[in-house]
Amino acid sequence: MHLTRRTRAILATAVIAAATLAGAGSSATAAPTAPAAAGCSDHPTNILFNSGAGGIGVMHLWDGVYGKDGKQKYDAVVNGNSNTCDQFSWDEVRGFYIGPGACALVRFAANNIYPYQWSTYRKLTAGSRQISPNNMVHIQATPC
């Protein structure tokens, strides 16, 4: 049974930009939960969650044109303990950015049906990564 967005918990996930990594360490043991945002549809394609203290670079679409001037590494920054649905009302997010010198623990859920079936954490270093449709993403800052 697929629950509506309003009845399922949202697990906090994120991507860590280098400028926000300093002092943004967090535990990888559990993801916080929060009620769904009013801004997204009942069935978003995917959501990227930021469970860290600092902001995270994200790409709404994987089109190579990011930021207000189209020349940035990412479209926007998801605030700490937020997600792309709550903050931007995006029904999909297609990429994330880990800045130079930063690392993050990342795990995915292969579909967007709650309860999410999370993979194990993988440690990633700097770079841009694409997110497939229907993949929820949970990312936490970690020392490199």
N, C-alpha and C. Protein backbone atom coordinates (compact mmCIF):
# COMPACT_ATOMS: atom_id res chain seq x y z
N MET A 1 0.84 -1.18 0.00
CA MET A 1 0.00 0.00 0.00
C MET A 1 0.88 1.23 0.00
N HIS A 2 0.65 2.15 -0.92
CA HIS A 2 1.42 3.38 -1.02
C HIS A 2 0.74 4.47 -0.19
N LEU A 3 1.42 4.96 0.82
CA LEU A 3 0.87 6.01 1.67
C LEU A 3 1.05 7.37 1.03
N THR A 4 0.16 8.29 1.33
CA THR A 4 0.31 9.64 0.80
C THR A 4 1.47 10.34 1.49
N ARG A 5 1.94 11.40 0.88
CA ARG A 5 3.08 12.15 1.43
C ARG A 5 2.78 12.66 2.82
N ARG A 6 1.55 13.01 3.09
CA ARG A 6 1.21 13.58 4.39
C ARG A 6 1.26 12.55 5.51
N THR A 7 1.16 11.27 5.18
CA THR A 7 1.15 10.26 6.23
C THR A 7 2.49 9.57 6.41
N ARG A 8 3.39 9.71 5.49
CA ARG A 8 4.69 9.05 5.65
C ARG A 8 5.72 10.00 6.23
N ALA A 9 6.67 9.47 6.90
CA ALA A 9 7.76 10.26 7.48
C ALA A 9 8.79 10.50 6.39
N ILE A 10 9.46 11.64 6.45
CA ILE A 10 10.54 11.93 5.52
C ILE A 10 11.85 11.77 6.25
N LEU A 11 12.71 10.94 5.71
CA LEU A 11 14.04 10.77 6.30
C LEU A 11 14.95 11.88 5.77
N ALA A 12 15.68 12.46 6.66
CA ALA A 12 16.53 13.57 6.28
C ALA A 12 17.77 13.07 5.54
N THR A 13 18.07 13.65 4.36
CA THR A 13 19.27 13.32 3.62
C THR A 13 19.88 14.55 3.01
N ALA A 14 21.08 14.39 2.49
CA ALA A 14 21.72 15.57 2.00
C ALA A 14 22.98 15.31 1.23
N VAL A 15 23.47 16.37 0.65
CA VAL A 15 24.76 16.39 -0.01
C VAL A 15 25.55 17.51 0.59
N ILE A 16 26.85 17.33 0.76
CA ILE A 16 27.65 18.31 1.47
C ILE A 16 28.55 19.09 0.51
N ALA A 17 28.36 20.40 0.46
CA ALA A 17 29.23 21.28 -0.31
C ALA A 17 30.44 21.62 0.56
N ALA A 18 31.59 21.79 -0.03
CA ALA A 18 32.82 22.00 0.74
C ALA A 18 32.74 23.20 1.66
N ALA A 19 32.12 24.26 1.22
CA ALA A 19 32.06 25.47 2.04
C ALA A 19 31.26 25.27 3.31
N THR A 20 30.40 24.26 3.33
CA THR A 20 29.55 24.05 4.50
C THR A 20 29.98 22.86 5.33
N LEU A 21 31.02 22.14 4.91
CA LEU A 21 31.43 20.94 5.61
C LEU A 21 32.01 21.25 6.98
N ALA A 22 32.76 22.31 7.11
CA ALA A 22 33.43 22.62 8.36
C ALA A 22 32.43 22.70 9.50
N GLY A 23 32.64 21.88 10.48
CA GLY A 23 31.77 21.88 11.66
C GLY A 23 30.42 21.25 11.44
N ALA A 24 30.21 20.56 10.34
CA ALA A 24 28.89 20.01 10.06
C ALA A 24 28.84 18.50 10.23
N GLY A 25 29.70 17.93 11.05
CA GLY A 25 29.71 16.49 11.24
C GLY A 25 28.43 16.02 11.87
N SER A 26 28.00 14.79 11.51
CA SER A 26 26.80 14.22 12.09
C SER A 26 26.93 12.72 12.12
N SER A 27 26.13 12.09 12.92
CA SER A 27 26.15 10.64 13.07
C SER A 27 25.45 9.98 11.91
N ALA A 28 25.96 8.82 11.50
CA ALA A 28 25.35 8.07 10.41
C ALA A 28 24.45 6.97 10.94
N THR A 29 24.13 6.97 12.20
CA THR A 29 23.36 5.88 12.78
C THR A 29 21.88 5.95 12.46
N ALA A 30 21.29 7.12 12.38
CA ALA A 30 19.86 7.23 12.11
C ALA A 30 19.56 8.53 11.40
N ALA A 31 18.52 8.51 10.59
CA ALA A 31 18.08 9.71 9.90
C ALA A 31 16.87 10.27 10.62
N PRO A 32 16.85 11.56 10.90
CA PRO A 32 15.69 12.15 11.56
C PRO A 32 14.45 12.04 10.67
N THR A 33 13.31 12.11 11.27
CA THR A 33 12.06 12.10 10.51
C THR A 33 11.34 13.42 10.69
N ALA A 34 10.53 13.76 9.73
CA ALA A 34 9.77 15.01 9.78
C ALA A 34 8.52 14.85 8.93
N PRO A 35 7.47 15.62 9.19
CA PRO A 35 6.28 15.54 8.34
C PRO A 35 6.57 16.07 6.95
N ALA A 36 5.84 15.60 5.98
CA ALA A 36 6.02 16.03 4.60
C ALA A 36 5.66 17.49 4.42
N ALA A 37 6.26 18.11 3.43
CA ALA A 37 5.99 19.51 3.13
C ALA A 37 4.71 19.66 2.32
N ALA A 38 4.12 20.82 2.40
CA ALA A 38 2.91 21.09 1.63
C ALA A 38 3.23 21.39 0.17
N GLY A 39 4.51 21.71 -0.14
CA GLY A 39 4.87 22.18 -1.46
C GLY A 39 4.95 21.14 -2.55
N CYS A 40 5.24 19.88 -2.23
CA CYS A 40 5.39 18.84 -3.24
C CYS A 40 4.06 18.12 -3.47
N SER A 41 4.02 17.38 -4.56
CA SER A 41 2.83 16.56 -4.82
C SER A 41 2.80 15.39 -3.84
N ASP A 42 1.73 14.62 -3.89
CA ASP A 42 1.62 13.44 -3.03
C ASP A 42 2.57 12.33 -3.46
N HIS A 43 3.08 12.40 -4.67
CA HIS A 43 3.95 11.35 -5.20
C HIS A 43 5.18 11.95 -5.90
N PRO A 44 6.10 12.54 -5.14
CA PRO A 44 7.30 13.10 -5.79
C PRO A 44 8.15 11.98 -6.39
N THR A 45 8.86 12.29 -7.46
CA THR A 45 9.74 11.33 -8.10
C THR A 45 10.84 10.89 -7.14
N ASN A 46 11.49 11.85 -6.49
CA ASN A 46 12.50 11.56 -5.48
C ASN A 46 12.73 12.80 -4.64
N ILE A 47 13.38 12.60 -3.50
CA ILE A 47 13.68 13.69 -2.58
C ILE A 47 15.11 13.51 -2.09
N LEU A 48 15.83 14.60 -1.97
CA LEU A 48 17.16 14.58 -1.39
C LEU A 48 17.08 15.23 -0.02
N PHE A 49 17.54 14.53 1.00
CA PHE A 49 17.44 14.97 2.39
C PHE A 49 18.79 15.38 2.94
N ASN A 50 18.83 16.49 3.65
CA ASN A 50 20.05 16.98 4.29
C ASN A 50 19.90 16.82 5.79
N SER A 51 20.60 15.86 6.37
CA SER A 51 20.52 15.67 7.81
C SER A 51 21.69 16.31 8.54
N GLY A 52 22.54 17.01 7.82
CA GLY A 52 23.68 17.69 8.44
C GLY A 52 23.33 19.08 8.91
N ALA A 53 24.32 19.74 9.51
CA ALA A 53 24.13 21.09 10.04
C ALA A 53 24.31 22.16 8.97
N GLY A 54 25.08 21.88 7.93
CA GLY A 54 25.36 22.88 6.90
C GLY A 54 24.55 22.67 5.64
N GLY A 55 24.67 23.62 4.70
CA GLY A 55 23.96 23.55 3.43
C GLY A 55 24.55 22.55 2.47
N ILE A 56 23.74 22.13 1.49
CA ILE A 56 24.10 21.10 0.53
C ILE A 56 23.80 21.57 -0.89
N GLY A 57 24.73 21.39 -1.81
CA GLY A 57 24.50 21.75 -3.21
C GLY A 57 23.70 20.68 -3.93
N VAL A 58 22.62 21.09 -4.63
CA VAL A 58 21.77 20.14 -5.35
C VAL A 58 21.43 20.66 -6.74
N MET A 59 21.20 19.72 -7.65
CA MET A 59 20.77 20.04 -9.00
C MET A 59 19.34 19.59 -9.20
N HIS A 60 18.46 20.52 -9.55
CA HIS A 60 17.07 20.17 -9.79
C HIS A 60 16.97 19.25 -11.00
N LEU A 61 17.55 19.63 -12.10
CA LEU A 61 17.60 18.81 -13.31
C LEU A 61 19.06 18.58 -13.66
N TRP A 62 19.36 17.46 -14.26
CA TRP A 62 20.74 17.14 -14.66
C TRP A 62 20.92 17.62 -16.09
N ASP A 63 21.04 18.96 -16.24
CA ASP A 63 21.09 19.55 -17.57
C ASP A 63 22.37 20.32 -17.86
N GLY A 64 23.29 20.39 -16.89
CA GLY A 64 24.56 21.09 -17.10
C GLY A 64 24.48 22.59 -16.95
N VAL A 65 23.30 23.13 -16.68
CA VAL A 65 23.10 24.56 -16.50
C VAL A 65 22.61 24.77 -15.07
N TYR A 66 23.50 25.26 -14.19
CA TYR A 66 23.17 25.33 -12.77
C TYR A 66 23.37 26.73 -12.22
N GLY A 67 22.57 27.07 -11.23
CA GLY A 67 22.66 28.37 -10.58
C GLY A 67 21.94 29.44 -11.38
N LYS A 68 21.86 30.63 -10.78
CA LYS A 68 21.13 31.74 -11.41
C LYS A 68 21.74 32.17 -12.74
N ASP A 69 23.07 32.07 -12.85
CA ASP A 69 23.71 32.48 -14.10
C ASP A 69 24.02 31.30 -15.02
N GLY A 70 23.66 30.08 -14.60
CA GLY A 70 23.89 28.90 -15.42
C GLY A 70 25.32 28.41 -15.43
N LYS A 71 26.18 28.96 -14.58
CA LYS A 71 27.60 28.60 -14.58
C LYS A 71 28.09 28.08 -13.24
N GLN A 72 27.17 27.75 -12.34
CA GLN A 72 27.55 27.25 -11.02
C GLN A 72 27.71 25.73 -11.04
N LYS A 73 28.12 25.18 -9.90
CA LYS A 73 28.26 23.72 -9.76
C LYS A 73 26.95 23.06 -9.38
N TYR A 74 25.96 23.85 -8.89
CA TYR A 74 24.67 23.33 -8.46
C TYR A 74 23.63 24.43 -8.55
N ASP A 75 22.36 24.05 -8.53
CA ASP A 75 21.26 25.01 -8.66
C ASP A 75 20.96 25.76 -7.37
N ALA A 76 21.02 25.07 -6.26
CA ALA A 76 20.60 25.67 -4.99
C ALA A 76 21.27 24.94 -3.84
N VAL A 77 21.12 25.49 -2.65
CA VAL A 77 21.67 24.87 -1.44
C VAL A 77 20.52 24.50 -0.51
N VAL A 78 20.43 23.23 -0.18
CA VAL A 78 19.44 22.76 0.78
C VAL A 78 20.01 23.03 2.18
N ASN A 79 19.25 23.72 3.01
CA ASN A 79 19.68 24.04 4.37
C ASN A 79 19.82 22.77 5.21
N GLY A 80 20.57 22.89 6.31
CA GLY A 80 20.72 21.77 7.23
C GLY A 80 19.38 21.32 7.78
N ASN A 81 19.23 20.01 7.96
CA ASN A 81 18.00 19.40 8.47
C ASN A 81 16.77 19.77 7.65
N SER A 82 16.94 19.82 6.34
CA SER A 82 15.84 20.11 5.43
C SER A 82 15.93 19.15 4.25
N ASN A 83 15.11 19.38 3.25
CA ASN A 83 15.13 18.53 2.05
C ASN A 83 14.59 19.33 0.87
N THR A 84 14.75 18.78 -0.32
CA THR A 84 14.38 19.50 -1.53
C THR A 84 12.88 19.70 -1.68
N CYS A 85 12.09 18.86 -1.06
CA CYS A 85 10.63 19.02 -1.12
C CYS A 85 10.19 20.17 -0.21
N ASP A 86 10.63 20.14 1.04
CA ASP A 86 10.25 21.20 2.00
C ASP A 86 10.75 22.57 1.56
N GLN A 87 12.00 22.64 1.16
CA GLN A 87 12.62 23.93 0.92
C GLN A 87 12.28 24.52 -0.45
N PHE A 88 12.21 23.70 -1.48
CA PHE A 88 12.01 24.22 -2.84
C PHE A 88 10.70 23.79 -3.49
N SER A 89 9.96 22.87 -2.88
CA SER A 89 8.75 22.29 -3.47
C SER A 89 9.05 21.54 -4.76
N TRP A 90 10.26 20.99 -4.86
CA TRP A 90 10.65 20.20 -6.03
C TRP A 90 10.06 18.80 -5.91
N ASP A 91 9.45 18.31 -6.98
CA ASP A 91 8.98 16.93 -7.04
C ASP A 91 10.09 15.98 -7.50
N GLU A 92 11.20 16.53 -7.92
CA GLU A 92 12.34 15.71 -8.30
C GLU A 92 13.63 16.48 -8.11
N VAL A 93 14.68 15.77 -7.87
CA VAL A 93 16.04 16.30 -7.79
C VAL A 93 16.92 15.29 -8.51
N ARG A 94 17.82 15.77 -9.37
CA ARG A 94 18.56 14.85 -10.22
C ARG A 94 20.06 14.80 -9.96
N GLY A 95 20.55 15.58 -8.99
CA GLY A 95 21.98 15.49 -8.71
C GLY A 95 22.36 16.19 -7.43
N PHE A 96 23.57 15.89 -6.96
CA PHE A 96 24.11 16.56 -5.78
C PHE A 96 25.59 16.82 -5.99
N TYR A 97 26.12 17.73 -5.18
CA TYR A 97 27.50 18.17 -5.32
C TYR A 97 28.22 18.10 -3.98
N ILE A 98 29.36 17.43 -3.97
CA ILE A 98 30.25 17.40 -2.82
C ILE A 98 31.46 18.23 -3.22
N GLY A 99 31.71 19.29 -2.49
CA GLY A 99 32.77 20.23 -2.84
C GLY A 99 34.18 19.70 -2.57
N PRO A 100 35.19 20.39 -3.12
CA PRO A 100 36.59 20.00 -2.94
C PRO A 100 36.95 19.88 -1.47
N GLY A 101 37.64 18.80 -1.12
CA GLY A 101 38.07 18.58 0.26
C GLY A 101 36.99 18.02 1.17
N ALA A 102 35.79 17.85 0.66
CA ALA A 102 34.68 17.35 1.48
C ALA A 102 34.43 15.87 1.17
N CYS A 103 33.82 15.18 2.13
CA CYS A 103 33.39 13.80 1.96
C CYS A 103 31.99 13.67 2.56
N ALA A 104 31.30 12.62 2.15
CA ALA A 104 29.96 12.38 2.67
C ALA A 104 29.67 10.89 2.67
N LEU A 105 28.86 10.47 3.63
CA LEU A 105 28.30 9.11 3.64
C LEU A 105 26.97 9.18 2.92
N VAL A 106 26.78 8.30 1.94
CA VAL A 106 25.59 8.34 1.08
C VAL A 106 24.92 6.97 1.09
N ARG A 107 23.59 6.99 1.15
CA ARG A 107 22.82 5.77 0.96
C ARG A 107 21.59 6.10 0.13
N PHE A 108 21.09 5.11 -0.58
CA PHE A 108 19.96 5.29 -1.48
C PHE A 108 18.84 4.33 -1.14
N ALA A 109 17.63 4.71 -1.46
CA ALA A 109 16.47 3.82 -1.46
C ALA A 109 16.04 3.70 -2.90
N ALA A 110 15.99 2.51 -3.43
CA ALA A 110 15.79 2.28 -4.85
C ALA A 110 14.40 2.64 -5.37
N ASN A 111 13.46 2.90 -4.51
CA ASN A 111 12.15 3.39 -4.97
C ASN A 111 11.63 4.39 -3.95
N ASN A 112 10.60 5.11 -4.32
CA ASN A 112 10.10 6.16 -3.43
C ASN A 112 8.88 5.72 -2.62
N ILE A 113 8.74 4.44 -2.38
CA ILE A 113 7.62 3.94 -1.59
C ILE A 113 8.07 3.77 -0.14
N TYR A 114 7.34 4.41 0.77
CA TYR A 114 7.66 4.33 2.19
C TYR A 114 7.06 3.06 2.78
N PRO A 115 7.71 2.31 3.65
CA PRO A 115 9.01 2.64 4.25
C PRO A 115 10.14 2.35 3.27
N TYR A 116 11.10 3.27 3.23
CA TYR A 116 12.22 3.16 2.32
C TYR A 116 13.12 1.99 2.69
N GLN A 117 13.63 1.30 1.69
CA GLN A 117 14.56 0.19 1.88
C GLN A 117 15.96 0.73 1.57
N TRP A 118 16.65 1.24 2.58
CA TRP A 118 17.93 1.92 2.39
C TRP A 118 19.07 0.93 2.14
N SER A 119 19.97 1.31 1.24
CA SER A 119 21.21 0.57 1.04
C SER A 119 22.16 0.91 2.17
N THR A 120 23.30 0.27 2.20
CA THR A 120 24.32 0.61 3.20
C THR A 120 25.01 1.90 2.77
N TYR A 121 25.61 2.60 3.72
CA TYR A 121 26.32 3.83 3.42
C TYR A 121 27.57 3.56 2.61
N ARG A 122 27.85 4.46 1.67
CA ARG A 122 29.11 4.48 0.93
C ARG A 122 29.74 5.84 1.16
N LYS A 123 31.05 5.86 1.31
CA LYS A 123 31.75 7.13 1.49
C LYS A 123 32.13 7.68 0.12
N LEU A 124 31.72 8.92 -0.16
CA LEU A 124 32.04 9.57 -1.43
C LEU A 124 32.91 10.79 -1.18
N THR A 125 33.77 11.07 -2.14
CA THR A 125 34.60 12.27 -2.09
C THR A 125 34.04 13.31 -3.04
N ALA A 126 34.76 14.39 -3.22
CA ALA A 126 34.30 15.54 -4.01
C ALA A 126 33.86 15.15 -5.42
N GLY A 127 32.85 15.89 -5.90
CA GLY A 127 32.37 15.71 -7.26
C GLY A 127 30.86 15.84 -7.36
N SER A 128 30.39 15.84 -8.60
CA SER A 128 28.95 15.89 -8.88
C SER A 128 28.47 14.48 -9.16
N ARG A 129 27.31 14.13 -8.63
CA ARG A 129 26.74 12.80 -8.83
C ARG A 129 25.29 12.94 -9.29
N GLN A 130 24.92 12.12 -10.26
CA GLN A 130 23.55 12.11 -10.75
C GLN A 130 22.70 11.18 -9.89
N ILE A 131 21.42 11.52 -9.75
CA ILE A 131 20.46 10.70 -9.01
C ILE A 131 19.43 10.17 -10.01
N SER A 132 19.20 8.88 -9.99
CA SER A 132 18.20 8.27 -10.87
C SER A 132 16.79 8.59 -10.37
N PRO A 133 15.83 8.61 -11.28
CA PRO A 133 14.44 8.79 -10.85
C PRO A 133 14.06 7.69 -9.85
N ASN A 134 13.18 8.02 -8.94
CA ASN A 134 12.66 7.11 -7.92
C ASN A 134 13.70 6.68 -6.89
N ASN A 135 14.84 7.35 -6.81
CA ASN A 135 15.85 7.05 -5.80
C ASN A 135 15.83 8.15 -4.75
N MET A 136 15.46 7.79 -3.53
CA MET A 136 15.60 8.71 -2.41
C MET A 136 17.06 8.69 -2.00
N VAL A 137 17.56 9.82 -1.51
CA VAL A 137 18.98 9.92 -1.16
C VAL A 137 19.13 10.45 0.25
N HIS A 138 19.97 9.80 1.03
CA HIS A 138 20.30 10.25 2.38
C HIS A 138 21.80 10.40 2.47
N ILE A 139 22.27 11.63 2.74
CA ILE A 139 23.71 11.91 2.76
C ILE A 139 24.05 12.68 4.02
N GLN A 140 25.17 12.32 4.60
CA GLN A 140 25.65 12.99 5.83
C GLN A 140 27.12 13.34 5.68
N ALA A 141 27.50 14.50 6.19
CA ALA A 141 28.90 14.91 6.17
C ALA A 141 29.72 13.94 7.01
N THR A 142 30.95 13.74 6.58
CA THR A 142 31.88 12.89 7.32
C THR A 142 33.30 13.37 7.06
N PRO A 143 34.22 13.19 7.99
CA PRO A 143 35.61 13.55 7.70
C PRO A 143 36.14 12.69 6.56
N CYS A 144 37.02 13.27 5.77
CA CYS A 144 37.62 12.51 4.64
C CYS A 144 38.69 11.54 5.12
